[in-house]
Amino acid sequence: MYKKDSNKVSKLNPEQYRVTQENGTERPGTGEYLHNDAVGIYVDIVSGEPLFASSSKFDSGCGWPSFSKSIVTDFVNEIKDSSLGMIRTEVRSSNGDSHLGHVFEDGPKESGGLRYCINSASLRFIALENMADEGYGDYINQVEENE
């Protein structure tokens, strides 16, 4: 159902392309969704895979949107990344193969201790009121769990 869509890739703006297709990183504090507090889900901008729910989003102070867990673990690949002279864990969408960001073990302990540090440029936000119409009705319970 979810796959890399070459038509969507061709419509990415230069920053979205650089981040998702060339493993880039947004400048901290510049991402569209950093301060988004709306209720809904974040999906891969290329494949549409449901990745993160607003209920797991938190302000980590790192300069990128942060989430404590993914919606469906099978849609998020974690890959060892030794670029830039350090060991990190890269996060990519499973079907879209988009570079999303990195995951660290310094997140909220009460939520499992993870911090998915994600580039806004790799995401599309779908508000709660649009989720069913856009085919994401099965995930509504995940965005409402913290209300």
Protein backbone atom coordinates (compact mmCIF):
# COMPACT_ATOMS: atom_id res chain seq x y z
CA MET A 1 0.00 0.00 0.00
CA TYR A 2 2.80 2.44 0.84
CA LYS A 3 5.67 2.79 -1.61
CA LYS A 4 8.15 5.30 -2.93
CA ASP A 5 6.23 7.39 -5.43
CA SER A 6 8.46 8.85 -8.18
CA ASN A 7 5.74 11.38 -9.02
CA LYS A 8 5.81 12.67 -5.43
CA VAL A 9 9.63 12.70 -5.44
CA SER A 10 9.59 14.88 -8.58
CA LYS A 11 7.32 17.40 -6.79
CA LEU A 12 9.49 17.80 -3.69
CA ASN A 13 10.91 21.25 -3.11
CA PRO A 14 14.73 21.47 -3.03
CA GLU A 15 14.93 21.18 0.78
CA GLN A 16 12.56 18.21 0.92
CA TYR A 17 14.56 16.48 -1.82
CA ARG A 18 17.91 17.21 -0.12
CA VAL A 19 16.68 15.83 3.21
CA THR A 20 14.74 12.76 2.04
CA GLN A 21 16.75 11.67 -1.01
CA GLU A 22 20.26 12.93 -0.18
CA ASN A 23 20.30 12.28 3.60
CA GLY A 24 20.33 15.96 4.44
CA THR A 25 19.43 17.73 7.67
CA GLU A 26 17.43 20.89 8.16
CA ARG A 27 19.04 23.72 10.06
CA PRO A 28 17.88 23.51 13.70
CA GLY A 29 14.87 25.64 14.53
CA THR A 30 13.76 26.05 10.91
CA GLY A 31 11.39 23.12 10.35
CA GLU A 32 7.73 23.71 9.55
CA TYR A 33 6.49 21.26 12.20
CA LEU A 34 8.84 22.11 15.08
CA HIS A 35 6.14 24.10 16.90
CA ASN A 36 3.08 22.33 15.47
CA ASP A 37 0.76 21.46 18.36
CA ALA A 38 -2.20 20.36 16.25
CA VAL A 39 -3.68 16.89 16.75
CA GLY A 40 -3.02 14.43 13.94
CA ILE A 41 -0.34 12.24 12.39
CA TYR A 42 2.87 12.77 10.48
CA VAL A 43 3.40 10.66 7.37
CA ASP A 44 6.32 10.15 4.99
CA ILE A 45 6.14 12.90 2.38
CA VAL A 46 7.08 10.42 -0.38
CA SER A 47 5.26 7.18 0.47
CA GLY A 48 2.49 8.28 2.83
CA GLU A 49 3.53 5.75 5.49
CA PRO A 50 2.11 6.74 8.89
CA LEU A 51 5.16 7.48 11.03
CA PHE A 52 4.43 9.54 14.16
CA ALA A 53 1.36 10.71 16.09
CA SER A 54 0.91 14.08 17.71
CA SER A 55 0.33 12.26 21.02
CA SER A 56 4.01 11.16 21.03
CA LYS A 57 5.42 14.58 20.04
CA PHE A 58 7.31 16.53 22.70
CA ASP A 59 9.53 19.58 22.96
CA SER A 60 13.06 18.28 23.41
CA GLY A 61 14.72 21.64 22.83
CA CYS A 62 16.95 20.12 20.11
CA GLY A 63 15.63 22.27 17.25
CA TRP A 64 13.76 19.51 15.37
CA PRO A 65 10.38 17.89 15.94
CA SER A 66 10.81 15.09 18.48
CA PHE A 67 8.70 12.01 19.07
CA SER A 68 8.93 9.31 21.75
CA LYS A 69 7.75 6.46 19.50
CA SER A 70 6.63 5.63 15.99
CA ILE A 71 3.05 4.70 15.11
CA VAL A 72 3.96 1.41 13.41
CA THR A 73 7.46 0.11 14.07
CA ASP A 74 7.50 -1.74 10.74
CA PHE A 75 7.32 1.59 8.89
CA VAL A 76 10.52 2.95 10.50
CA ASN A 77 13.94 1.46 9.79
CA GLU A 78 16.78 2.17 12.20
CA ILE A 79 20.24 1.96 10.63
CA LYS A 80 23.69 2.41 12.18
CA ASP A 81 25.16 5.72 10.97
CA SER A 82 28.86 6.42 11.46
CA SER A 83 29.02 9.58 9.33
CA LEU A 84 30.33 12.83 10.76
CA GLY A 85 32.79 10.95 12.99
CA MET A 86 30.17 9.68 15.45
CA ILE A 87 27.95 6.65 15.91
CA ARG A 88 24.24 7.41 15.62
CA THR A 89 21.11 5.58 14.54
CA GLU A 90 19.57 6.90 11.34
CA VAL A 91 15.81 6.66 10.87
CA ARG A 92 14.37 5.96 7.39
CA SER A 93 10.87 5.14 6.24
CA SER A 94 10.63 1.45 5.40
CA ASN A 95 8.77 1.63 2.10
CA GLY A 96 9.59 5.15 0.93
CA ASP A 97 13.25 4.85 1.96
CA SER A 98 13.20 8.53 2.89
CA HIS A 99 15.81 9.84 5.30
CA LEU A 100 13.80 11.09 8.29
CA GLY A 101 16.41 11.91 10.94
CA HIS A 102 17.96 10.04 13.88
CA VAL A 103 16.84 8.35 17.09
CA PHE A 104 18.58 8.86 20.43
CA GLU A 105 18.18 7.31 23.87
CA ASP A 106 17.67 10.58 25.76
CA GLY A 107 13.90 10.91 25.42
CA PRO A 108 11.28 10.96 28.18
CA LYS A 109 11.86 7.96 30.47
CA GLU A 110 8.12 7.59 31.12
CA SER A 111 7.58 7.10 27.36
CA GLY A 112 10.35 4.57 26.81
CA GLY A 113 13.41 6.83 26.74
CA LEU A 114 13.63 7.40 22.99
CA ARG A 115 13.83 10.69 21.08
CA TYR A 116 13.12 10.45 17.38
CA CYS A 117 14.66 13.67 16.08
CA ILE A 118 12.93 14.16 12.72
CA ASN A 119 13.28 16.65 9.87
CA SER A 120 10.03 18.47 9.06
CA ALA A 121 11.01 18.35 5.38
CA SER A 122 10.51 14.57 5.36
CA LEU A 123 6.99 14.77 6.77
CA ARG A 124 3.45 15.70 5.81
CA PHE A 125 1.03 16.47 8.63
CA ILE A 126 -2.55 15.22 8.48
CA ALA A 127 -4.90 16.86 10.96
CA LEU A 128 -7.26 14.65 12.98
CA GLU A 129 -10.33 15.93 11.16
CA ASN A 130 -8.83 14.85 7.79
CA MET A 131 -7.40 11.48 8.81
CA ALA A 132 -10.41 9.31 7.91
CA ASP A 133 -10.93 11.02 4.54
CA GLU A 134 -7.25 10.54 3.66
CA GLY A 135 -7.25 6.83 4.57
CA TYR A 136 -5.70 7.03 8.04
CA GLY A 137 -8.83 6.34 10.12
CA ASP A 138 -7.22 3.25 11.67
CA TYR A 139 -4.73 5.51 13.47
CA ILE A 140 -7.17 7.98 15.07
CA ASN A 141 -6.93 6.16 18.41
CA GLN A 142 -3.18 6.89 18.52
CA VAL A 143 -3.54 10.66 18.18
CA GLU A 144 -6.21 10.86 20.86
CA GLU A 145 -4.51 8.78 23.55
CA ASN A 146 -2.95 11.77 25.36
CA GLU A 147 -6.04 13.98 25.37
